[in-house]
Amino acid sequence: MDILTINQIKSLYPDQWVLVGNPELKDFDTLEAIINKLVSGIVLYASKDKREIAYKAKDLRKGVESITCVYTGEFPSNRKWLL
């Protein structure tokens, strides 16, 4: 499996949820979206359906130390966020 930069991931998997193994992150101390902190990682799976990623994550994470999930598209401006 190849390590891809975040720009490569966005280019290869536009508007998809991407499960990234062994993510390299920057700026740990800032409160920012994980997509803005992700530098590179190994793409384990990509899907337009976030639930599909969640169901498969347990099996796909074997052999990697850590995982994260990012969305490579833009969220609608009218999206409601729950905290």
PDB file of N, CA and C in Angstrom:
ATOM      1  N   MET A   1       0.847  -1.187   0.000  1.00  0.00           N
ATOM      2  CA  MET A   1       0.000   0.000   0.000  1.00  0.00           C
ATOM      3  C   MET A   1       0.884   1.239   0.000  1.00  0.00           C
ATOM      4  N   ASP A   2       0.517   2.181  -0.840  1.00  0.00           N
ATOM      5  CA  ASP A   2       1.290   3.403  -0.981  1.00  0.00           C
ATOM      6  C   ASP A   2       0.822   4.481  -0.001  1.00  0.00           C
ATOM      7  N   ILE A   3       1.768   5.276   0.447  1.00  0.00           N
ATOM      8  CA  ILE A   3       1.446   6.444   1.264  1.00  0.00           C
ATOM      9  C   ILE A   3       1.151   7.593   0.307  1.00  0.00           C
ATOM     10  N   LEU A   4      -0.014   8.204   0.474  1.00  0.00           N
ATOM     11  CA  LEU A   4      -0.436   9.304  -0.380  1.00  0.00           C
ATOM     12  C   LEU A   4      -0.538  10.589   0.429  1.00  0.00           C
ATOM     13  N   THR A   5      -0.279  11.722  -0.223  1.00  0.00           N
ATOM     14  CA  THR A   5      -0.478  13.007   0.429  1.00  0.00           C
ATOM     15  C   THR A   5      -1.974  13.321   0.431  1.00  0.00           C
ATOM     16  N   ILE A   6      -2.372  14.285   1.234  1.00  0.00           N
ATOM     17  CA  ILE A   6      -3.779  14.658   1.283  1.00  0.00           C
ATOM     18  C   ILE A   6      -4.253  15.178  -0.071  1.00  0.00           C
ATOM     19  N   ASN A   7      -3.404  15.882  -0.795  1.00  0.00           N
ATOM     20  CA  ASN A   7      -3.800  16.367  -2.119  1.00  0.00           C
ATOM     21  C   ASN A   7      -4.021  15.221  -3.094  1.00  0.00           C
ATOM     22  N   GLN A   8      -3.207  14.177  -3.014  1.00  0.00           N
ATOM     23  CA  GLN A   8      -3.407  13.000  -3.861  1.00  0.00           C
ATOM     24  C   GLN A   8      -4.702  12.285  -3.486  1.00  0.00           C
ATOM     25  N   ILE A   9      -4.960  12.178  -2.198  1.00  0.00           N
ATOM     26  CA  ILE A   9      -6.188  11.523  -1.723  1.00  0.00           C
ATOM     27  C   ILE A   9      -7.414  12.284  -2.224  1.00  0.00           C
ATOM     28  N   LYS A  10      -7.400  13.612  -2.090  1.00  0.00           N
ATOM     29  CA  LYS A  10      -8.530  14.418  -2.566  1.00  0.00           C
ATOM     30  C   LYS A  10      -8.723  14.273  -4.071  1.00  0.00           C
ATOM     31  N   SER A  11      -7.630  14.187  -4.808  1.00  0.00           N
ATOM     32  CA  SER A  11      -7.697  14.064  -6.267  1.00  0.00           C
ATOM     33  C   SER A  11      -8.235  12.701  -6.704  1.00  0.00           C
ATOM     34  N   LEU A  12      -7.774  11.644  -6.034  1.00  0.00           N
ATOM     35  CA  LEU A  12      -8.188  10.286  -6.400  1.00  0.00           C
ATOM     36  C   LEU A  12      -9.585   9.927  -5.903  1.00  0.00           C
ATOM     37  N   TYR A  13     -10.016  10.526  -4.795  1.00  0.00           N
ATOM     38  CA  TYR A  13     -11.295  10.180  -4.166  1.00  0.00           C
ATOM     39  C   TYR A  13     -12.124  11.432  -3.900  1.00  0.00           C
ATOM     40  N   PRO A  14     -12.530  12.153  -4.946  1.00  0.00           N
ATOM     41  CA  PRO A  14     -13.292  13.389  -4.735  1.00  0.00           C
ATOM     42  C   PRO A  14     -14.674  13.125  -4.144  1.00  0.00           C
ATOM     43  N   ASP A  15     -15.059  13.982  -3.202  1.00  0.00           N
ATOM     44  CA  ASP A  15     -16.396  13.920  -2.588  1.00  0.00           C
ATOM     45  C   ASP A  15     -16.712  12.545  -2.011  1.00  0.00           C
ATOM     46  N   GLN A  16     -15.735  11.953  -1.342  1.00  0.00           N
ATOM     47  CA  GLN A  16     -15.927  10.634  -0.728  1.00  0.00           C
ATOM     48  C   GLN A  16     -15.402  10.640   0.706  1.00  0.00           C
ATOM     49  N   TRP A  17     -15.903   9.702   1.470  1.00  0.00           N
ATOM     50  CA  TRP A  17     -15.364   9.416   2.797  1.00  0.00           C
ATOM     51  C   TRP A  17     -14.199   8.462   2.597  1.00  0.00           C
ATOM     52  N   VAL A  18     -13.068   8.778   3.208  1.00  0.00           N
ATOM     53  CA  VAL A  18     -11.861   7.985   3.002  1.00  0.00           C
ATOM     54  C   VAL A  18     -11.317   7.545   4.364  1.00  0.00           C
ATOM     55  N   LEU A  19     -11.113   6.248   4.504  1.00  0.00           N
ATOM     56  CA  LEU A  19     -10.503   5.690   5.703  1.00  0.00           C
ATOM     57  C   LEU A  19      -8.994   5.665   5.464  1.00  0.00           C
ATOM     58  N   VAL A  20      -8.255   6.381   6.303  1.00  0.00           N
ATOM     59  CA  VAL A  20      -6.815   6.543   6.117  1.00  0.00           C
ATOM     60  C   VAL A  20      -6.075   5.847   7.251  1.00  0.00           C
ATOM     61  N   GLY A  21      -5.164   4.947   6.886  1.00  0.00           N
ATOM     62  CA  GLY A  21      -4.356   4.244   7.870  1.00  0.00           C
ATOM     63  C   GLY A  21      -3.030   4.945   8.106  1.00  0.00           C
ATOM     64  N   ASN A  22      -2.534   4.844   9.334  1.00  0.00           N
ATOM     65  CA  ASN A  22      -1.268   5.466   9.739  1.00  0.00           C
ATOM     66  C   ASN A  22      -1.183   6.923   9.280  1.00  0.00           C
ATOM     67  N   PRO A  23      -2.186   7.730   9.665  1.00  0.00           N
ATOM     68  CA  PRO A  23      -2.190   9.113   9.198  1.00  0.00           C
ATOM     69  C   PRO A  23      -1.050   9.924   9.816  1.00  0.00           C
ATOM     70  N   GLU A  24      -0.439  10.767   8.991  1.00  0.00           N
ATOM     71  CA  GLU A  24       0.537  11.727   9.496  1.00  0.00           C
ATOM     72  C   GLU A  24      -0.209  13.044   9.639  1.00  0.00           C
ATOM     73  N   LEU A  25      -0.225  13.566  10.864  1.00  0.00           N
ATOM     74  CA  LEU A  25      -0.969  14.787  11.153  1.00  0.00           C
ATOM     75  C   LEU A  25      -0.025  15.911  11.537  1.00  0.00           C
ATOM     76  N   LYS A  26      -0.482  17.144  11.324  1.00  0.00           N
ATOM     77  CA  LYS A  26       0.269  18.322  11.751  1.00  0.00           C
ATOM     78  C   LYS A  26      -0.610  19.136  12.702  1.00  0.00           C
ATOM     79  N   ASP A  27      -0.007  20.045  13.426  1.00  0.00           N
ATOM     80  CA  ASP A  27      -0.732  20.980  14.300  1.00  0.00           C
ATOM     81  C   ASP A  27      -1.672  20.267  15.279  1.00  0.00           C
ATOM     82  N   PHE A  28      -1.107  19.388  16.090  1.00  0.00           N
ATOM     83  CA  PHE A  28      -1.914  18.626  17.049  1.00  0.00           C
ATOM     84  C   PHE A  28      -2.660  19.518  18.037  1.00  0.00           C
ATOM     85  N   ASP A  29      -2.110  20.673  18.358  1.00  0.00           N
ATOM     86  CA  ASP A  29      -2.673  21.513  19.411  1.00  0.00           C
ATOM     87  C   ASP A  29      -3.761  22.464  18.941  1.00  0.00           C
ATOM     88  N   THR A  30      -4.060  22.490  17.657  1.00  0.00           N
ATOM     89  CA  THR A  30      -5.100  23.397  17.174  1.00  0.00           C
ATOM     90  C   THR A  30      -6.433  22.671  17.064  1.00  0.00           C
ATOM     91  N   LEU A  31      -7.485  23.428  17.317  1.00  0.00           N
ATOM     92  CA  LEU A  31      -8.836  22.886  17.163  1.00  0.00           C
ATOM     93  C   LEU A  31      -9.267  23.154  15.728  1.00  0.00           C
ATOM     94  N   GLU A  32      -9.125  22.152  14.916  1.00  0.00           N
ATOM     95  CA  GLU A  32      -9.384  22.285  13.492  1.00  0.00           C
ATOM     96  C   GLU A  32      -9.870  20.935  12.973  1.00  0.00           C
ATOM     97  N   ALA A  33     -10.539  20.934  11.853  1.00  0.00           N
ATOM     98  CA  ALA A  33     -11.010  19.693  11.249  1.00  0.00           C
ATOM     99  C   ALA A  33      -9.823  18.796  10.898  1.00  0.00           C
ATOM    100  N   ILE A  34      -9.995  17.501  11.061  1.00  0.00           N
ATOM    101  CA  ILE A  34      -8.926  16.530  10.802  1.00  0.00           C
ATOM    102  C   ILE A  34      -8.435  16.614   9.354  1.00  0.00           C
ATOM    103  N   ILE A  35      -9.318  16.949   8.412  1.00  0.00           N
ATOM    104  CA  ILE A  35      -8.909  17.061   7.010  1.00  0.00           C
ATOM    105  C   ILE A  35      -7.850  18.150   6.843  1.00  0.00           C
ATOM    106  N   ASN A  36      -7.893  19.180   7.686  1.00  0.00           N
ATOM    107  CA  ASN A  36      -6.906  20.265   7.618  1.00  0.00           C
ATOM    108  C   ASN A  36      -5.601  19.905   8.314  1.00  0.00           C
ATOM    109  N   LYS A  37      -5.619  18.868   9.127  1.00  0.00           N
ATOM    110  CA  LYS A  37      -4.418  18.424   9.834  1.00  0.00           C
ATOM    111  C   LYS A  37      -3.717  17.263   9.131  1.00  0.00           C
ATOM    112  N   LEU A  38      -4.425  16.583   8.248  1.00  0.00           N
ATOM    113  CA  LEU A  38      -3.878  15.398   7.597  1.00  0.00           C
ATOM    114  C   LEU A  38      -2.831  15.787   6.555  1.00  0.00           C
ATOM    115  N   VAL A  39      -1.646  15.199   6.685  1.00  0.00           N
ATOM    116  CA  VAL A  39      -0.561  15.438   5.736  1.00  0.00           C
ATOM    117  C   VAL A  39      -0.502  14.294   4.729  1.00  0.00           C
ATOM    118  N   SER A  40      -0.544  13.049   5.238  1.00  0.00           N
ATOM    119  CA  SER A  40      -0.463  11.879   4.361  1.00  0.00           C
ATOM    120  C   SER A  40      -0.939  10.641   5.106  1.00  0.00           C
ATOM    121  N   GLY A  41      -1.091   9.546   4.361  1.00  0.00           N
ATOM    122  CA  GLY A  41      -1.500   8.289   4.964  1.00  0.00           C
ATOM    123  C   GLY A  41      -1.770   7.247   3.885  1.00  0.00           C
ATOM    124  N   ILE A  42      -2.186   6.088   4.327  1.00  0.00           N
ATOM    125  CA  ILE A  42      -2.486   4.968   3.434  1.00  0.00           C
ATOM    126  C   ILE A  42      -4.002   4.863   3.296  1.00  0.00           C
ATOM    127  N   VAL A  43      -4.502   4.921   2.082  1.00  0.00           N
ATOM    128  CA  VAL A  43      -5.940   4.790   1.858  1.00  0.00           C
ATOM    129  C   VAL A  43      -6.320   3.326   2.032  1.00  0.00           C
ATOM    130  N   LEU A  44      -7.173   3.068   3.014  1.00  0.00           N
ATOM    131  CA  LEU A  44      -7.637   1.713   3.274  1.00  0.00           C
ATOM    132  C   LEU A  44      -8.955   1.426   2.567  1.00  0.00           C
ATOM    133  N   TYR A  45      -9.783   2.466   2.424  1.00  0.00           N
ATOM    134  CA  TYR A  45     -11.092   2.287   1.802  1.00  0.00           C
ATOM    135  C   TYR A  45     -11.680   3.656   1.507  1.00  0.00           C
ATOM    136  N   ALA A  46     -12.489   3.753   0.483  1.00  0.00           N
ATOM    137  CA  ALA A  46     -13.182   4.994   0.148  1.00  0.00           C
ATOM    138  C   ALA A  46     -14.598   4.671  -0.295  1.00  0.00           C
ATOM    139  N   SER A  47     -15.529   5.535   0.089  1.00  0.00           N
ATOM    140  CA  SER A  47     -16.925   5.325  -0.254  1.00  0.00           C
ATOM    141  C   SER A  47     -17.676   6.647  -0.173  1.00  0.00           C
ATOM    142  N   LYS A  48     -18.757   6.745  -0.919  1.00  0.00           N
ATOM    143  CA  LYS A  48     -19.646   7.905  -0.802  1.00  0.00           C
ATOM    144  C   LYS A  48     -20.533   7.780   0.433  1.00  0.00           C
ATOM    145  N   ASP A  49     -20.610   6.582   0.996  1.00  0.00           N
ATOM    146  CA  ASP A  49     -21.464   6.292   2.150  1.00  0.00           C
ATOM    147  C   ASP A  49     -20.620   6.172   3.418  1.00  0.00           C
ATOM    148  N   LYS A  50     -20.796   7.103   4.336  1.00  0.00           N
ATOM    149  CA  LYS A  50     -20.019   7.104   5.582  1.00  0.00           C
ATOM    150  C   LYS A  50     -20.301   5.852   6.416  1.00  0.00           C
ATOM    151  N   ARG A  51     -21.518   5.382   6.389  1.00  0.00           N
ATOM    152  CA  ARG A  51     -21.868   4.182   7.165  1.00  0.00           C
ATOM    153  C   ARG A  51     -21.103   2.959   6.678  1.00  0.00           C
ATOM    154  N   GLU A  52     -20.892   2.879   5.384  1.00  0.00           N
ATOM    155  CA  GLU A  52     -20.134   1.761   4.827  1.00  0.00           C
ATOM    156  C   GLU A  52     -18.707   1.750   5.388  1.00  0.00           C
ATOM    157  N   ILE A  53     -18.105   2.923   5.500  1.00  0.00           N
ATOM    158  CA  ILE A  53     -16.763   3.051   6.084  1.00  0.00           C
ATOM    159  C   ILE A  53     -16.788   2.558   7.531  1.00  0.00           C
ATOM    160  N   ALA A  54     -17.798   2.977   8.274  1.00  0.00           N
ATOM    161  CA  ALA A  54     -17.900   2.598   9.679  1.00  0.00           C
ATOM    162  C   ALA A  54     -18.021   1.079   9.838  1.00  0.00           C
ATOM    163  N   TYR A  55     -18.814   0.450   8.991  1.00  0.00           N
ATOM    164  CA  TYR A  55     -18.998  -0.998   9.075  1.00  0.00           C
ATOM    165  C   TYR A  55     -17.732  -1.772   8.723  1.00  0.00           C
ATOM    166  N   LYS A  56     -16.953  -1.261   7.807  1.00  0.00           N
ATOM    167  CA  LYS A  56     -15.771  -1.979   7.333  1.00  0.00           C
ATOM    168  C   LYS A  56     -14.487  -1.623   8.084  1.00  0.00           C
ATOM    169  N   ALA A  57     -14.497  -0.551   8.851  1.00  0.00           N
ATOM    170  CA  ALA A  57     -13.277  -0.033   9.488  1.00  0.00           C
ATOM    171  C   ALA A  57     -12.579  -1.065  10.370  1.00  0.00           C
ATOM    172  N   LYS A  58     -13.332  -1.818  11.138  1.00  0.00           N
ATOM    173  CA  LYS A  58     -12.732  -2.782  12.052  1.00  0.00           C
ATOM    174  C   LYS A  58     -11.885  -3.813  11.308  1.00  0.00           C
ATOM    175  N   ASP A  59     -12.405  -4.340  10.231  1.00  0.00           N
ATOM    176  CA  ASP A  59     -11.675  -5.346   9.461  1.00  0.00           C
ATOM    177  C   ASP A  59     -10.517  -4.741   8.672  1.00  0.00           C
ATOM    178  N   LEU A  60     -10.693  -3.520   8.212  1.00  0.00           N
ATOM    179  CA  LEU A  60      -9.685  -2.887   7.364  1.00  0.00           C
ATOM    180  C   LEU A  60      -8.492  -2.342   8.137  1.00  0.00           C
ATOM    181  N   ARG A  61      -8.650  -2.141   9.422  1.00  0.00           N
ATOM    182  CA  ARG A  61      -7.573  -1.525  10.207  1.00  0.00           C
ATOM    183  C   ARG A  61      -6.492  -2.515  10.629  1.00  0.00           C
ATOM    184  N   LYS A  62      -6.665  -3.774  10.321  1.00  0.00           N
ATOM    185  CA  LYS A  62      -5.649  -4.769  10.680  1.00  0.00           C
ATOM    186  C   LYS A  62      -4.344  -4.450   9.962  1.00  0.00           C
ATOM    187  N   GLY A  63      -3.252  -4.426  10.714  1.00  0.00           N
ATOM    188  CA  GLY A  63      -1.949  -4.162  10.140  1.00  0.00           C
ATOM    189  C   GLY A  63      -1.527  -2.698  10.150  1.00  0.00           C
ATOM    190  N   VAL A  64      -2.398  -1.808  10.635  1.00  0.00           N
ATOM    191  CA  VAL A  64      -2.033  -0.399  10.757  1.00  0.00           C
ATOM    192  C   VAL A  64      -2.140   0.023  12.218  1.00  0.00           C
ATOM    193  N   GLU A  65      -1.336   0.992  12.605  1.00  0.00           N
ATOM    194  CA  GLU A  65      -1.323   1.426  14.006  1.00  0.00           C
ATOM    195  C   GLU A  65      -2.517   2.301  14.364  1.00  0.00           C
ATOM    196  N   SER A  66      -2.905   3.182  13.454  1.00  0.00           N
ATOM    197  CA  SER A  66      -4.019   4.084  13.737  1.00  0.00           C
ATOM    198  C   SER A  66      -4.763   4.387  12.441  1.00  0.00           C
ATOM    199  N   ILE A  67      -6.001   4.862  12.602  1.00  0.00           N
ATOM    200  CA  ILE A  67      -6.811   5.211  11.439  1.00  0.00           C
ATOM    201  C   ILE A  67      -7.529   6.534  11.700  1.00  0.00           C
ATOM    202  N   THR A  68      -7.949   7.160  10.627  1.00  0.00           N
ATOM    203  CA  THR A  68      -8.840   8.307  10.701  1.00  0.00           C
ATOM    204  C   THR A  68      -9.730   8.282   9.469  1.00  0.00           C
ATOM    205  N   CYS A  69     -10.829   8.976   9.552  1.00  0.00           N
ATOM    206  CA  CYS A  69     -11.756   9.041   8.429  1.00  0.00           C
ATOM    207  C   CYS A  69     -11.942  10.512   8.067  1.00  0.00           C
ATOM    208  N   VAL A  70     -11.809  10.822   6.775  1.00  0.00           N
ATOM    209  CA  VAL A  70     -11.967  12.196   6.314  1.00  0.00           C
ATOM    210  C   VAL A  70     -12.927  12.246   5.137  1.00  0.00           C
ATOM    211  N   TYR A  71     -13.573  13.390   4.978  1.00  0.00           N
ATOM    212  CA  TYR A  71     -14.427  13.623   3.819  1.00  0.00           C
ATOM    213  C   TYR A  71     -13.691  14.580   2.904  1.00  0.00           C
ATOM    214  N   THR A  72     -13.552  14.218   1.623  1.00  0.00           N
ATOM    215  CA  THR A  72     -12.732  14.999   0.703  1.00  0.00           C
ATOM    216  C   THR A  72     -13.505  16.083  -0.042  1.00  0.00           C
ATOM    217  N   GLY A  73     -14.790  16.176   0.196  1.00  0.00           N
ATOM    218  CA  GLY A  73     -15.598  17.194  -0.488  1.00  0.00           C
ATOM    219  C   GLY A  73     -15.903  18.363   0.431  1.00  0.00           C
ATOM    220  N   GLU A  74     -16.795  19.200  -0.035  1.00  0.00           N
ATOM    221  CA  GLU A  74     -17.249  20.351   0.750  1.00  0.00           C
ATOM    222  C   GLU A  74     -18.594  20.015   1.365  1.00  0.00           C
ATOM    223  N   PHE A  75     -18.758  20.397   2.632  1.00  0.00           N
ATOM    224  CA  PHE A  75     -20.045  20.214   3.286  1.00  0.00           C
ATOM    225  C   PHE A  75     -20.971  21.359   2.882  1.00  0.00           C
ATOM    226  N   PRO A  76     -22.262  21.075   2.718  1.00  0.00           N
ATOM    227  CA  PRO A  76     -23.196  22.145   2.370  1.00  0.00           C
ATOM    228  C   PRO A  76     -23.216  23.215   3.457  1.00  0.00           C
ATOM    229  N   SER A  77     -23.386  24.462   3.063  1.00  0.00           N
ATOM    230  CA  SER A  77     -23.379  25.556   4.034  1.00  0.00           C
ATOM    231  C   SER A  77     -24.571  25.509   4.971  1.00  0.00           C
ATOM    232  N   ASN A  78     -25.656  24.836   4.569  1.00  0.00           N
ATOM    233  CA  ASN A  78     -26.849  24.756   5.420  1.00  0.00           C
ATOM    234  C   ASN A  78     -26.836  23.532   6.339  1.00  0.00           C
ATOM    235  N   ARG A  79     -25.716  22.820   6.391  1.00  0.00           N
ATOM    236  CA  ARG A  79     -25.620  21.624   7.226  1.00  0.00           C
ATOM    237  C   ARG A  79     -25.651  22.021   8.699  1.00  0.00           C
ATOM    238  N   LYS A  80     -26.401  21.296   9.484  1.00  0.00           N
ATOM    239  CA  LYS A  80     -26.505  21.571  10.915  1.00  0.00           C
ATOM    240  C   LYS A  80     -25.499  20.677  11.644  1.00  0.00           C
ATOM    241  N   TRP A  81     -24.785  21.270  12.591  1.00  0.00           N
ATOM    242  CA  TRP A  81     -23.773  20.553  13.372  1.00  0.00           C
ATOM    243  C   TRP A  81     -24.271  20.393  14.793  1.00  0.00           C
ATOM    244  N   LEU A  82     -24.105  19.220  15.332  1.00  0.00           N
ATOM    245  CA  LEU A  82     -24.455  18.966  16.729  1.00  0.00           C
ATOM    246  C   LEU A  82     -23.189  18.843  17.539  1.00  0.00           C
ATOM    247  N   LEU A  83     -23.126  19.537  18.649  1.00  0.00           N
ATOM    248  CA  LEU A  83     -21.954  19.461  19.534  1.00  0.00           C
ATOM    249  C   LEU A  83     -22.299  18.744  20.799  1.00  0.00           C
TER     250      LEU A  83
END
